[in-house]
PDB file of N, CA and C in Angstrom:
ATOM      1  N   MET A   1     160.512 149.568  16.493  1.00  0.00           N
ATOM      2  CA  MET A   1     159.553 150.088  15.542  1.00  0.00           C
ATOM      3  C   MET A   1     158.766 148.962  14.883  1.00  0.00           C
ATOM      4  N   ILE A   2     159.448 147.879  14.550  1.00  0.00           N
ATOM      5  CA  ILE A   2     158.774 146.772  13.885  1.00  0.00           C
ATOM      6  C   ILE A   2     157.754 146.107  14.803  1.00  0.00           C
ATOM      7  N   GLU A   3     158.008 146.143  16.118  1.00  0.00           N
ATOM      8  CA  GLU A   3     157.063 145.563  17.067  1.00  0.00           C
ATOM      9  C   GLU A   3     155.746 146.322  17.049  1.00  0.00           C
ATOM     10  N   ILE A   4     155.821 147.634  16.878  1.00  0.00           N
ATOM     11  CA  ILE A   4     154.607 148.446  16.811  1.00  0.00           C
ATOM     12  C   ILE A   4     153.797 148.071  15.578  1.00  0.00           C
ATOM     13  N   ILE A   5     154.479 147.854  14.473  1.00  0.00           N
ATOM     14  CA  ILE A   5     153.795 147.454  13.243  1.00  0.00           C
ATOM     15  C   ILE A   5     153.140 146.092  13.429  1.00  0.00           C
ATOM     16  N   TYR A   6     153.817 145.168  14.098  1.00  0.00           N
ATOM     17  CA  TYR A   6     153.230 143.858  14.372  1.00  0.00           C
ATOM     18  C   TYR A   6     151.965 143.978  15.207  1.00  0.00           C
ATOM     19  N   VAL A   7     151.998 144.825  16.215  1.00  0.00           N
ATOM     20  CA  VAL A   7     150.827 144.992  17.084  1.00  0.00           C
ATOM     21  C   VAL A   7     149.662 145.589  16.302  1.00  0.00           C
ATOM     22  N   ILE A   8     149.925 146.605  15.501  1.00  0.00           N
ATOM     23  CA  ILE A   8     148.859 147.234  14.717  1.00  0.00           C
ATOM     24  C   ILE A   8     148.302 146.253  13.694  1.00  0.00           C
ATOM     25  N   PHE A   9     149.185 145.546  13.000  1.00  0.00           N
ATOM     26  CA  PHE A   9     148.746 144.577  11.997  1.00  0.00           C
ATOM     27  C   PHE A   9     147.943 143.450  12.644  1.00  0.00           C
ATOM     28  N   GLY A  10     148.394 142.962  13.788  1.00  0.00           N
ATOM     29  CA  GLY A  10     147.660 141.911  14.494  1.00  0.00           C
ATOM     30  C   GLY A  10     146.293 142.371  14.951  1.00  0.00           C
ATOM     31  N   ALA A  11     146.212 143.612  15.435  1.00  0.00           N
ATOM     32  CA  ALA A  11     144.915 144.142  15.854  1.00  0.00           C
ATOM     33  C   ALA A  11     143.964 144.249  14.668  1.00  0.00           C
ATOM     34  N   LEU A  12     144.481 144.666  13.524  1.00  0.00           N
ATOM     35  CA  LEU A  12     143.632 144.753  12.335  1.00  0.00           C
ATOM     36  C   LEU A  12     143.182 143.379  11.860  1.00  0.00           C
ATOM     37  N   ILE A  13     144.071 142.389  11.957  1.00  0.00           N
ATOM     38  CA  ILE A  13     143.712 141.032  11.548  1.00  0.00           C
ATOM     39  C   ILE A  13     142.571 140.497  12.409  1.00  0.00           C
ATOM     40  N   PHE A  14     142.569 140.839  13.697  1.00  0.00           N
ATOM     41  CA  PHE A  14     141.499 140.382  14.574  1.00  0.00           C
ATOM     42  C   PHE A  14     140.249 141.245  14.457  1.00  0.00           C
ATOM     43  N   LEU A  15     140.406 142.542  14.285  1.00  0.00           N
ATOM     44  CA  LEU A  15     139.272 143.447  14.386  1.00  0.00           C
ATOM     45  C   LEU A  15     138.457 143.555  13.100  1.00  0.00           C
ATOM     46  N   VAL A  16     139.093 143.717  11.958  1.00  0.00           N
ATOM     47  CA  VAL A  16     138.362 143.998  10.719  1.00  0.00           C
ATOM     48  C   VAL A  16     137.457 142.838  10.291  1.00  0.00           C
ATOM     49  N   PRO A  17     137.936 141.593  10.189  1.00  0.00           N
ATOM     50  CA  PRO A  17     137.011 140.523   9.804  1.00  0.00           C
ATOM     51  C   PRO A  17     135.884 140.331  10.817  1.00  0.00           C
ATOM     52  N   GLY A  18     136.205 140.470  12.090  1.00  0.00           N
ATOM     53  CA  GLY A  18     135.174 140.339  13.116  1.00  0.00           C
ATOM     54  C   GLY A  18     134.149 141.445  13.039  1.00  0.00           C
ATOM     55  N   TYR A  19     134.597 142.673  12.763  1.00  0.00           N
ATOM     56  CA  TYR A  19     133.665 143.793  12.637  1.00  0.00           C
ATOM     57  C   TYR A  19     132.735 143.587  11.448  1.00  0.00           C
ATOM     58  N   LEU A  20     133.297 143.163  10.317  1.00  0.00           N
ATOM     59  CA  LEU A  20     132.466 142.930   9.140  1.00  0.00           C
ATOM     60  C   LEU A  20     131.461 141.812   9.389  1.00  0.00           C
ATOM     61  N   LEU A  21     131.887 140.751  10.061  1.00  0.00           N
ATOM     62  CA  LEU A  21     130.960 139.666  10.374  1.00  0.00           C
ATOM     63  C   LEU A  21     129.899 140.121  11.370  1.00  0.00           C
ATOM     64  N   SER A  22     130.258 140.987  12.309  1.00  0.00           N
ATOM     65  CA  SER A  22     129.255 141.489  13.257  1.00  0.00           C
ATOM     66  C   SER A  22     128.228 142.363  12.549  1.00  0.00           C
ATOM     67  N   LEU A  23     128.631 143.059  11.480  1.00  0.00           N
ATOM     68  CA  LEU A  23     127.664 143.833  10.703  1.00  0.00           C
ATOM     69  C   LEU A  23     126.705 142.933   9.937  1.00  0.00           C
ATOM     70  N   ILE A  24     127.161 141.743   9.590  1.00  0.00           N
ATOM     71  CA  ILE A  24     126.273 140.801   8.912  1.00  0.00           C
ATOM     72  C   ILE A  24     125.317 140.158   9.915  1.00  0.00           C
ATOM     73  N   ILE A  25     125.831 139.771  11.072  1.00  0.00           N
ATOM     74  CA  ILE A  25     125.004 139.092  12.068  1.00  0.00           C
ATOM     75  C   ILE A  25     124.061 140.063  12.770  1.00  0.00           C
ATOM     76  N   TYR A  26     124.566 141.240  13.156  1.00  0.00           N
ATOM     77  CA  TYR A  26     123.772 142.260  13.852  1.00  0.00           C
ATOM     78  C   TYR A  26     123.752 143.527  12.998  1.00  0.00           C
ATOM     79  N   PRO A  27     122.868 143.602  12.000  1.00  0.00           N
ATOM     80  CA  PRO A  27     122.933 144.715  11.048  1.00  0.00           C
ATOM     81  C   PRO A  27     122.453 146.060  11.592  1.00  0.00           C
ATOM     82  N   GLY A  28     121.547 146.062  12.547  1.00  0.00           N
ATOM     83  CA  GLY A  28     120.978 147.319  13.013  1.00  0.00           C
ATOM     84  C   GLY A  28     121.898 148.077  13.945  1.00  0.00           C
ATOM     85  N   ARG A  29     121.790 149.412  13.897  1.00  0.00           N
ATOM     86  CA  ARG A  29     122.591 150.237  14.803  1.00  0.00           C
ATOM     87  C   ARG A  29     122.178 150.025  16.250  1.00  0.00           C
ATOM     88  N   GLU A  30     120.928 149.709  16.464  1.00  0.00           N
ATOM     89  CA  GLU A  30     120.441 149.528  17.829  1.00  0.00           C
ATOM     90  C   GLU A  30     120.659 148.106  18.352  1.00  0.00           C
ATOM     91  N   ASP A  31     121.118 147.200  17.509  1.00  0.00           N
ATOM     92  CA  ASP A  31     121.358 145.819  17.950  1.00  0.00           C
ATOM     93  C   ASP A  31     122.480 145.739  18.978  1.00  0.00           C
ATOM     94  N   LEU A  32     123.563 146.450  18.738  1.00  0.00           N
ATOM     95  CA  LEU A  32     124.711 146.462  19.650  1.00  0.00           C
ATOM     96  C   LEU A  32     125.172 147.899  19.849  1.00  0.00           C
ATOM     97  N   ASP A  33     125.513 148.252  21.091  1.00  0.00           N
ATOM     98  CA  ASP A  33     126.123 149.568  21.287  1.00  0.00           C
ATOM     99  C   ASP A  33     127.588 149.477  20.839  1.00  0.00           C
ATOM    100  N   PRO A  34     128.273 150.609  20.699  1.00  0.00           N
ATOM    101  CA  PRO A  34     129.642 150.566  20.140  1.00  0.00           C
ATOM    102  C   PRO A  34     130.607 149.664  20.908  1.00  0.00           C
ATOM    103  N   TRP A  35     130.543 149.661  22.232  1.00  0.00           N
ATOM    104  CA  TRP A  35     131.465 148.816  23.004  1.00  0.00           C
ATOM    105  C   TRP A  35     131.136 147.339  22.840  1.00  0.00           C
ATOM    106  N   GLU A  36     129.847 147.011  22.779  1.00  0.00           N
ATOM    107  CA  GLU A  36     129.477 145.614  22.534  1.00  0.00           C
ATOM    108  C   GLU A  36     129.935 145.177  21.146  1.00  0.00           C
ATOM    109  N   ARG A  37     129.821 146.086  20.167  1.00  0.00           N
ATOM    110  CA  ARG A  37     130.251 145.744  18.808  1.00  0.00           C
ATOM    111  C   ARG A  37     131.759 145.525  18.746  1.00  0.00           C
ATOM    112  N   VAL A  38     132.531 146.337  19.464  1.00  0.00           N
ATOM    113  CA  VAL A  38     133.989 146.151  19.485  1.00  0.00           C
ATOM    114  C   VAL A  38     134.335 144.811  20.129  1.00  0.00           C
ATOM    115  N   GLY A  39     133.697 144.505  21.256  1.00  0.00           N
ATOM    116  CA  GLY A  39     133.953 143.224  21.920  1.00  0.00           C
ATOM    117  C   GLY A  39     133.550 142.043  21.060  1.00  0.00           C
ATOM    118  N   THR A  40     132.389 142.154  20.433  1.00  0.00           N
ATOM    119  CA  THR A  40     131.936 141.095  19.536  1.00  0.00           C
ATOM    120  C   THR A  40     132.870 140.965  18.342  1.00  0.00           C
ATOM    121  N   SER A  41     133.345 142.094  17.834  1.00  0.00           N
ATOM    122  CA  SER A  41     134.257 142.071  16.684  1.00  0.00           C
ATOM    123  C   SER A  41     135.565 141.364  17.017  1.00  0.00           C
ATOM    124  N   ILE A  42     136.103 141.635  18.195  1.00  0.00           N
ATOM    125  CA  ILE A  42     137.352 140.976  18.598  1.00  0.00           C
ATOM    126  C   ILE A  42     137.130 139.476  18.766  1.00  0.00           C
ATOM    127  N   GLY A  43     136.025 139.101  19.394  1.00  0.00           N
ATOM    128  CA  GLY A  43     135.729 137.677  19.578  1.00  0.00           C
ATOM    129  C   GLY A  43     135.502 136.960  18.261  1.00  0.00           C
ATOM    130  N   LEU A  44     134.703 137.560  17.375  1.00  0.00           N
ATOM    131  CA  LEU A  44     134.463 136.943  16.075  1.00  0.00           C
ATOM    132  C   LEU A  44     135.735 136.917  15.229  1.00  0.00           C
ATOM    133  N   GLY A  45     136.550 137.972  15.339  1.00  0.00           N
ATOM    134  CA  GLY A  45     137.820 137.991  14.606  1.00  0.00           C
ATOM    135  C   GLY A  45     138.750 136.883  15.062  1.00  0.00           C
ATOM    136  N   ALA A  46     138.810 136.661  16.382  1.00  0.00           N
ATOM    137  CA  ALA A  46     139.633 135.561  16.901  1.00  0.00           C
ATOM    138  C   ALA A  46     139.109 134.222  16.397  1.00  0.00           C
ATOM    139  N   LEU A  47     137.793 134.081  16.350  1.00  0.00           N
ATOM    140  CA  LEU A  47     137.196 132.847  15.843  1.00  0.00           C
ATOM    141  C   LEU A  47     137.563 132.628  14.376  1.00  0.00           C
ATOM    142  N   ILE A  48     137.487 133.675  13.578  1.00  0.00           N
ATOM    143  CA  ILE A  48     137.815 133.569  12.153  1.00  0.00           C
ATOM    144  C   ILE A  48     139.286 133.212  11.963  1.00  0.00           C
ATOM    145  N   VAL A  49     140.160 133.841  12.734  1.00  0.00           N
ATOM    146  CA  VAL A  49     141.597 133.556  12.624  1.00  0.00           C
ATOM    147  C   VAL A  49     141.889 132.112  13.018  1.00  0.00           C
ATOM    148  N   VAL A  50     141.294 131.646  14.102  1.00  0.00           N
ATOM    149  CA  VAL A  50     141.530 130.269  14.554  1.00  0.00           C
ATOM    150  C   VAL A  50     141.006 129.271  13.527  1.00  0.00           C
ATOM    151  N   LEU A  51     139.822 129.514  12.981  1.00  0.00           N
ATOM    152  CA  LEU A  51     139.290 128.608  11.960  1.00  0.00           C
ATOM    153  C   LEU A  51     140.147 128.621  10.695  1.00  0.00           C
ATOM    154  N   THR A  52     140.638 129.780  10.310  1.00  0.00           N
ATOM    155  CA  THR A  52     141.507 129.873   9.138  1.00  0.00           C
ATOM    156  C   THR A  52     142.804 129.101   9.351  1.00  0.00           C
ATOM    157  N   VAL A  53     143.411 129.274  10.509  1.00  0.00           N
ATOM    158  CA  VAL A  53     144.651 128.554  10.814  1.00  0.00           C
ATOM    159  C   VAL A  53     144.393 127.051  10.848  1.00  0.00           C
ATOM    160  N   THR A  54     143.269 126.643  11.430  1.00  0.00           N
ATOM    161  CA  THR A  54     142.935 125.218  11.495  1.00  0.00           C
ATOM    162  C   THR A  54     142.760 124.634  10.099  1.00  0.00           C
ATOM    163  N   LEU A  55     142.072 125.357   9.221  1.00  0.00           N
ATOM    164  CA  LEU A  55     141.862 124.856   7.866  1.00  0.00           C
ATOM    165  C   LEU A  55     143.159 124.824   7.059  1.00  0.00           C
ATOM    166  N   LEU A  56     143.986 125.849   7.208  1.00  0.00           N
ATOM    167  CA  LEU A  56     145.231 125.893   6.437  1.00  0.00           C
ATOM    168  C   LEU A  56     146.284 124.917   6.955  1.00  0.00           C
ATOM    169  N   ALA A  57     146.141 124.449   8.179  1.00  0.00           N
ATOM    170  CA  ALA A  57     147.129 123.539   8.761  1.00  0.00           C
ATOM    171  C   ALA A  57     146.793 122.072   8.520  1.00  0.00           C
ATOM    172  N   GLN A  58     145.753 121.792   7.761  1.00  0.00           N
ATOM    173  CA  GLN A  58     145.400 120.404   7.476  1.00  0.00           C
ATOM    174  C   GLN A  58     146.536 119.723   6.720  1.00  0.00           C
ATOM    175  N   PRO A  59     146.787 118.446   7.000  1.00  0.00           N
ATOM    176  CA  PRO A  59     147.910 117.753   6.346  1.00  0.00           C
ATOM    177  C   PRO A  59     147.831 117.745   4.822  1.00  0.00           C
ATOM    178  N   GLY A  60     146.641 117.675   4.263  1.00  0.00           N
ATOM    179  CA  GLY A  60     146.513 117.652   2.810  1.00  0.00           C
ATOM    180  C   GLY A  60     146.760 119.006   2.164  1.00  0.00           C
ATOM    181  N   ILE A  61     146.558 120.070   2.916  1.00  0.00           N
ATOM    182  CA  ILE A  61     146.701 121.420   2.357  1.00  0.00           C
ATOM    183  C   ILE A  61     148.115 121.952   2.562  1.00  0.00           C
ATOM    184  N   ARG A  62     148.604 121.884   3.776  1.00  0.00           N
ATOM    185  CA  ARG A  62     149.948 122.359   4.142  1.00  0.00           C
ATOM    186  C   ARG A  62     150.219 123.774   3.622  1.00  0.00           C
ATOM    187  N   ALA A  63     149.288 124.657   3.857  1.00  0.00           N
ATOM    188  CA  ALA A  63     149.425 126.027   3.359  1.00  0.00           C
ATOM    189  C   ALA A  63     149.501 127.035   4.490  1.00  0.00           C
ATOM    190  N   LEU A  64     149.942 126.606   5.655  1.00  0.00           N
ATOM    191  CA  LEU A  64     150.001 127.510   6.798  1.00  0.00           C
ATOM    192  C   LEU A  64     151.249 128.381   6.695  1.00  0.00           C
ATOM    193  N   GLN A  65     151.155 129.359   5.831  1.00  0.00           N
ATOM    194  CA  GLN A  65     152.200 130.356   5.648  1.00  0.00           C
ATOM    195  C   GLN A  65     151.530 131.717   5.649  1.00  0.00           C
ATOM    196  N   PHE A  66     152.332 132.767   5.625  1.00  0.00           N
ATOM    197  CA  PHE A  66     151.779 134.110   5.764  1.00  0.00           C
ATOM    198  C   PHE A  66     150.865 134.498   4.602  1.00  0.00           C
ATOM    199  N   LEU A  67     151.322 134.319   3.369  1.00  0.00           N
ATOM    200  CA  LEU A  67     150.535 134.777   2.225  1.00  0.00           C
ATOM    201  C   LEU A  67     149.218 134.026   2.048  1.00  0.00           C
ATOM    202  N   PRO A  68     149.182 132.693   2.149  1.00  0.00           N
ATOM    203  CA  PRO A  68     147.876 132.035   2.077  1.00  0.00           C
ATOM    204  C   PRO A  68     146.940 132.456   3.213  1.00  0.00           C
ATOM    205  N   PHE A  69     147.495 132.642   4.404  1.00  0.00           N
ATOM    206  CA  PHE A  69     146.685 133.092   5.536  1.00  0.00           C
ATOM    207  C   PHE A  69     146.097 134.471   5.255  1.00  0.00           C
ATOM    208  N   LEU A  70     146.929 135.389   4.799  1.00  0.00           N
ATOM    209  CA  LEU A  70     146.466 136.740   4.499  1.00  0.00           C
ATOM    210  C   LEU A  70     145.455 136.733   3.354  1.00  0.00           C
ATOM    211  N   ALA A  71     145.674 135.879   2.358  1.00  0.00           N
ATOM    212  CA  ALA A  71     144.745 135.789   1.233  1.00  0.00           C
ATOM    213  C   ALA A  71     143.371 135.314   1.688  1.00  0.00           C
ATOM    214  N   VAL A  72     143.331 134.336   2.580  1.00  0.00           N
ATOM    215  CA  VAL A  72     142.047 133.836   3.082  1.00  0.00           C
ATOM    216  C   VAL A  72     141.335 134.911   3.894  1.00  0.00           C
ATOM    217  N   ILE A  73     142.067 135.638   4.726  1.00  0.00           N
ATOM    218  CA  ILE A  73     141.459 136.700   5.535  1.00  0.00           C
ATOM    219  C   ILE A  73     140.929 137.815   4.634  1.00  0.00           C
ATOM    220  N   VAL A  74     141.705 138.218   3.633  1.00  0.00           N
ATOM    221  CA  VAL A  74     141.260 139.270   2.710  1.00  0.00           C
ATOM    222  C   VAL A  74     140.059 138.798   1.903  1.00  0.00           C
ATOM    223  N   LEU A  75     140.072 137.553   1.452  1.00  0.00           N
ATOM    224  CA  LEU A  75     138.934 137.000   0.722  1.00  0.00           C
ATOM    225  C   LEU A  75     137.684 136.987   1.595  1.00  0.00           C
ATOM    226  N   PHE A  76     137.836 136.621   2.857  1.00  0.00           N
ATOM    227  CA  PHE A  76     136.710 136.640   3.785  1.00  0.00           C
ATOM    228  C   PHE A  76     136.155 138.059   3.922  1.00  0.00           C
ATOM    229  N   CYS A  77     137.041 139.046   4.045  1.00  0.00           N
ATOM    230  CA  CYS A  77     136.604 140.442   4.178  1.00  0.00           C
ATOM    231  C   CYS A  77     135.884 140.916   2.920  1.00  0.00           C
ATOM    232  N   VAL A  78     136.389 140.535   1.753  1.00  0.00           N
ATOM    233  CA  VAL A  78     135.748 140.929   0.495  1.00  0.00           C
ATOM    234  C   VAL A  78     134.358 140.312   0.392  1.00  0.00           C
ATOM    235  N   VAL A  79     134.214 139.053   0.766  1.00  0.00           N
ATOM    236  CA  VAL A  79     132.905 138.398   0.746  1.00  0.00           C
ATOM    237  C   VAL A  79     131.953 139.084   1.721  1.00  0.00           C
ATOM    238  N   CYS A  80     132.439 139.439   2.892  1.00  0.00           N
ATOM    239  CA  CYS A  80     131.594 140.134   3.872  1.00  0.00           C
ATOM    240  C   CYS A  80     131.142 141.492   3.348  1.00  0.00           C
ATOM    241  N   VAL A  81     132.059 142.254   2.750  1.00  0.00           N
ATOM    242  CA  VAL A  81     131.685 143.563   2.196  1.00  0.00           C
ATOM    243  C   VAL A  81     130.676 143.386   1.067  1.00  0.00           C
ATOM    244  N   PHE A  82     130.844 142.360   0.244  1.00  0.00           N
ATOM    245  CA  PHE A  82     129.882 142.088  -0.823  1.00  0.00           C
ATOM    246  C   PHE A  82     128.504 141.782  -0.246  1.00  0.00           C
ATOM    247  N   LEU A  83     128.446 140.964   0.801  1.00  0.00           N
ATOM    248  CA  LEU A  83     127.158 140.650   1.425  1.00  0.00           C
ATOM    249  C   LEU A  83     126.523 141.888   2.055  1.00  0.00           C
ATOM    250  N   ILE A  84     127.331 142.719   2.672  1.00  0.00           N
ATOM    251  CA  ILE A  84     126.813 143.964   3.256  1.00  0.00           C
ATOM    252  C   ILE A  84     126.294 144.875   2.149  1.00  0.00           C
ATOM    253  N   TYR A  85     126.999 144.937   1.034  1.00  0.00           N
ATOM    254  CA  TYR A  85     126.563 145.747  -0.104  1.00  0.00           C
ATOM    255  C   TYR A  85     125.251 145.219  -0.675  1.00  0.00           C
ATOM    256  N   GLN A  86     125.141 143.907  -0.825  1.00  0.00           N
ATOM    257  CA  GLN A  86     123.924 143.312  -1.368  1.00  0.00           C
ATOM    258  C   GLN A  86     122.715 143.580  -0.484  1.00  0.00           C
ATOM    259  N   ARG A  87     122.937 143.671   0.808  1.00  0.00           N
ATOM    260  CA  ARG A  87     121.842 143.929   1.736  1.00  0.00           C
ATOM    261  C   ARG A  87     121.484 145.409   1.781  1.00  0.00           C
ATOM    262  N   GLY A  88     122.335 146.257   1.243  1.00  0.00           N
ATOM    263  CA  GLY A  88     122.062 147.687   1.216  1.00  0.00           C
ATOM    264  C   GLY A  88     122.544 148.422   2.444  1.00  0.00           C
ATOM    265  N   ASP A  89     123.433 147.832   3.217  1.00  0.00           N
ATOM    266  CA  ASP A  89     123.944 148.447   4.441  1.00  0.00           C
ATOM    267  C   ASP A  89     125.341 149.019   4.266  1.00  0.00           C
ATOM    268  N   LEU A  90     125.715 149.359   3.048  1.00  0.00           N
ATOM    269  CA  LEU A  90     127.075 149.836   2.812  1.00  0.00           C
ATOM    270  C   LEU A  90     127.344 151.159   3.511  1.00  0.00           C
ATOM    271  N   ASP A  91     126.287 151.911   3.835  1.00  0.00           N
ATOM    272  CA  ASP A  91     126.496 153.165   4.558  1.00  0.00           C
ATOM    273  C   ASP A  91     127.055 152.923   5.952  1.00  0.00           C
ATOM    274  N   ARG A  92     126.921 151.705   6.470  1.00  0.00           N
ATOM    275  CA  ARG A  92     127.502 151.370   7.776  1.00  0.00           C
ATOM    276  C   ARG A  92     129.023 151.377   7.730  1.00  0.00           C
ATOM    277  N   LEU A  93     129.592 151.267   6.542  1.00  0.00           N
ATOM    278  CA  LEU A  93     131.047 151.279   6.386  1.00  0.00           C
ATOM    279  C   LEU A  93     131.565 152.656   5.997  1.00  0.00           C
ATOM    280  N   SER A  94     130.705 153.661   6.023  1.00  0.00           N
ATOM    281  CA  SER A  94     131.115 154.992   5.585  1.00  0.00           C
ATOM    282  C   SER A  94     132.201 155.586   6.478  1.00  0.00           C
ATOM    283  N   PHE A  95     132.227 155.197   7.756  1.00  0.00           N
ATOM    284  CA  PHE A  95     133.268 155.733   8.637  1.00  0.00           C
ATOM    285  C   PHE A  95     134.653 155.260   8.196  1.00  0.00           C
ATOM    286  N   LEU A  96     134.747 154.069   7.594  1.00  0.00           N
ATOM    287  CA  LEU A  96     136.038 153.604   7.083  1.00  0.00           C
ATOM    288  C   LEU A  96     136.505 154.475   5.921  1.00  0.00           C
ATOM    289  N   LEU A  97     135.564 154.858   5.052  1.00  0.00           N
ATOM    290  CA  LEU A  97     135.920 155.733   3.943  1.00  0.00           C
ATOM    291  C   LEU A  97     136.340 157.109   4.449  1.00  0.00           C
ATOM    292  N   GLU A  98     135.636 157.620   5.452  1.00  0.00           N
ATOM    293  CA  GLU A  98     136.003 158.915   6.033  1.00  0.00           C
ATOM    294  C   GLU A  98     137.378 158.841   6.695  1.00  0.00           C
ATOM    295  N   PHE A  99     137.657 157.748   7.391  1.00  0.00           N
ATOM    296  CA  PHE A  99     138.968 157.554   8.013  1.00  0.00           C
ATOM    297  C   PHE A  99     140.063 157.521   6.952  1.00  0.00           C
ATOM    298  N   TYR A 100     139.813 156.836   5.856  1.00  0.00           N
ATOM    299  CA  TYR A 100     140.795 156.764   4.774  1.00  0.00           C
ATOM    300  C   TYR A 100     141.027 158.142   4.165  1.00  0.00           C
ATOM    301  N   ARG A 101     139.954 158.913   3.978  1.00  0.00           N
ATOM    302  CA  ARG A 101     140.106 160.263   3.420  1.00  0.00           C
ATOM    303  C   ARG A 101     140.939 161.148   4.337  1.00  0.00           C
ATOM    304  N   ARG A 102     140.688 161.063   5.632  1.00  0.00           N
ATOM    305  CA  ARG A 102     141.466 161.861   6.580  1.00  0.00           C
ATOM    306  C   ARG A 102     142.931 161.430   6.585  1.00  0.00           C
ATOM    307  N   LEU A 103     143.148 160.127   6.480  1.00  0.00           N
ATOM    308  CA  LEU A 103     144.506 159.601   6.505  1.00  0.00           C
ATOM    309  C   LEU A 103     145.285 160.009   5.261  1.00  0.00           C
ATOM    310  N   SER A 104     144.613 160.031   4.126  1.00  0.00           N
ATOM    311  CA  SER A 104     145.309 160.333   2.877  1.00  0.00           C
ATOM    312  C   SER A 104     145.316 161.818   2.541  1.00  0.00           C
ATOM    313  N   SER A 105     144.672 162.643   3.362  1.00  0.00           N
ATOM    314  CA  SER A 105     144.672 164.083   3.085  1.00  0.00           C
ATOM    315  C   SER A 105     146.059 164.658   3.350  1.00  0.00           C
ATOM    316  N   LYS A 106     146.282 165.842   2.844  1.00  0.00           N
ATOM    317  CA  LYS A 106     147.592 166.484   2.990  1.00  0.00           C
ATOM    318  C   LYS A 106     147.846 166.779   4.457  1.00  0.00           C
ATOM    319  N   LYS A 107     148.988 166.311   4.949  1.00  0.00           N
ATOM    320  CA  LYS A 107     149.354 166.501   6.346  1.00  0.00           C
ATOM    321  C   LYS A 107     150.359 167.633   6.455  1.00  0.00           C
ATOM    322  N   GLU A 108     150.273 168.362   7.566  1.00  0.00           N
ATOM    323  CA  GLU A 108     151.213 169.450   7.823  1.00  0.00           C
ATOM    324  C   GLU A 108     152.545 168.865   8.287  1.00  0.00           C
ATOM    325  N   PRO A 109     153.658 169.417   7.848  1.00  0.00           N
ATOM    326  CA  PRO A 109     154.961 168.951   8.338  1.00  0.00           C
ATOM    327  C   PRO A 109     155.090 169.190   9.841  1.00  0.00           C
ATOM    328  N   VAL A 110     155.833 168.337  10.499  1.00  0.00           N
ATOM    329  CA  VAL A 110     156.004 168.427  11.944  1.00  0.00           C
ATOM    330  C   VAL A 110     156.773 169.691  12.287  1.00  0.00           C
ATOM    331  N   GLY A 111     156.293 170.433  13.274  1.00  0.00           N
ATOM    332  CA  GLY A 111     156.989 171.618  13.741  1.00  0.00           C
ATOM    333  C   GLY A 111     156.584 172.900  13.042  1.00  0.00           C
ATOM    334  N   GLU A 112     155.763 172.816  12.005  1.00  0.00           N
ATOM    335  CA  GLU A 112     155.330 174.020  11.309  1.00  0.00           C
ATOM    336  C   GLU A 112     153.885 174.325  11.673  1.00  0.00           C
ATOM    337  N   GLU A 113     153.578 175.585  11.703  1.00  0.00           N
ATOM    338  CA  GLU A 113     152.226 176.025  11.992  1.00  0.00           C
ATOM    339  C   GLU A 113     151.374 175.869  10.736  1.00  0.00           C
ATOM    340  N   PRO A 114     150.132 175.418  10.887  1.00  0.00           N
ATOM    341  CA  PRO A 114     149.266 175.331   9.712  1.00  0.00           C
ATOM    342  C   PRO A 114     148.952 176.731   9.180  1.00  0.00           C
ATOM    343  N   THR A 115     148.924 176.856   7.887  1.00  0.00           N
ATOM    344  CA  THR A 115     148.609 178.142   7.275  1.00  0.00           C
ATOM    345  C   THR A 115     147.145 178.176   6.907  1.00  0.00           C
ATOM    346  N   SER A 116     146.524 179.326   7.113  1.00  0.00           N
ATOM    347  CA  SER A 116     145.115 179.459   6.755  1.00  0.00           C
ATOM    348  C   SER A 116     145.005 180.412   5.579  1.00  0.00           C
ATOM    349  N   GLU A 117     144.265 179.973   4.593  1.00  0.00           N
ATOM    350  CA  GLU A 117     144.057 180.792   3.404  1.00  0.00           C
ATOM    351  C   GLU A 117     142.676 181.393   3.501  1.00  0.00           C
ATOM    352  N   GLU A 118     142.633 182.717   3.543  1.00  0.00           N
ATOM    353  CA  GLU A 118     141.342 183.395   3.659  1.00  0.00           C
ATOM    354  C   GLU A 118     141.178 184.373   2.541  1.00  0.00           C
TER     355      GLU A 118
END
C-alpha cells in the first residue's frame, strides 16, 4: 500500500510544478494540445526537481532532506500560481478546483446503492 502512495506522490511532485510552469511559458489553450502539455509538464517537472536537488545538495547548504525539498517545491508552486493569477489566467486552473470539489464531496459507502431524492 505504501508503494502506491510513493508512486502517486512522486507523480504529483513531477507533474504539478511542471504543469504550472507550462501554463506560464505556454499560456494559450491553443499553444499546446493536452498530450503535449502533459509531456511538457513531466519534462519541466523533472527539470525543476533536478535543479532543486542540485541547489539543496550544495556543500554550504546541506539541506537535502525531505522537508526542505518539499518546501522548495511548494514555494515554487505558490509563486507559479501567483504569476498565473497576476496574468489573469487563473481560470486555467479551474479544473483543479472542480477535481477537489468532486474529491471532497460526499461519497457513497462501498456496496450500497445510491439513493435518489425526488
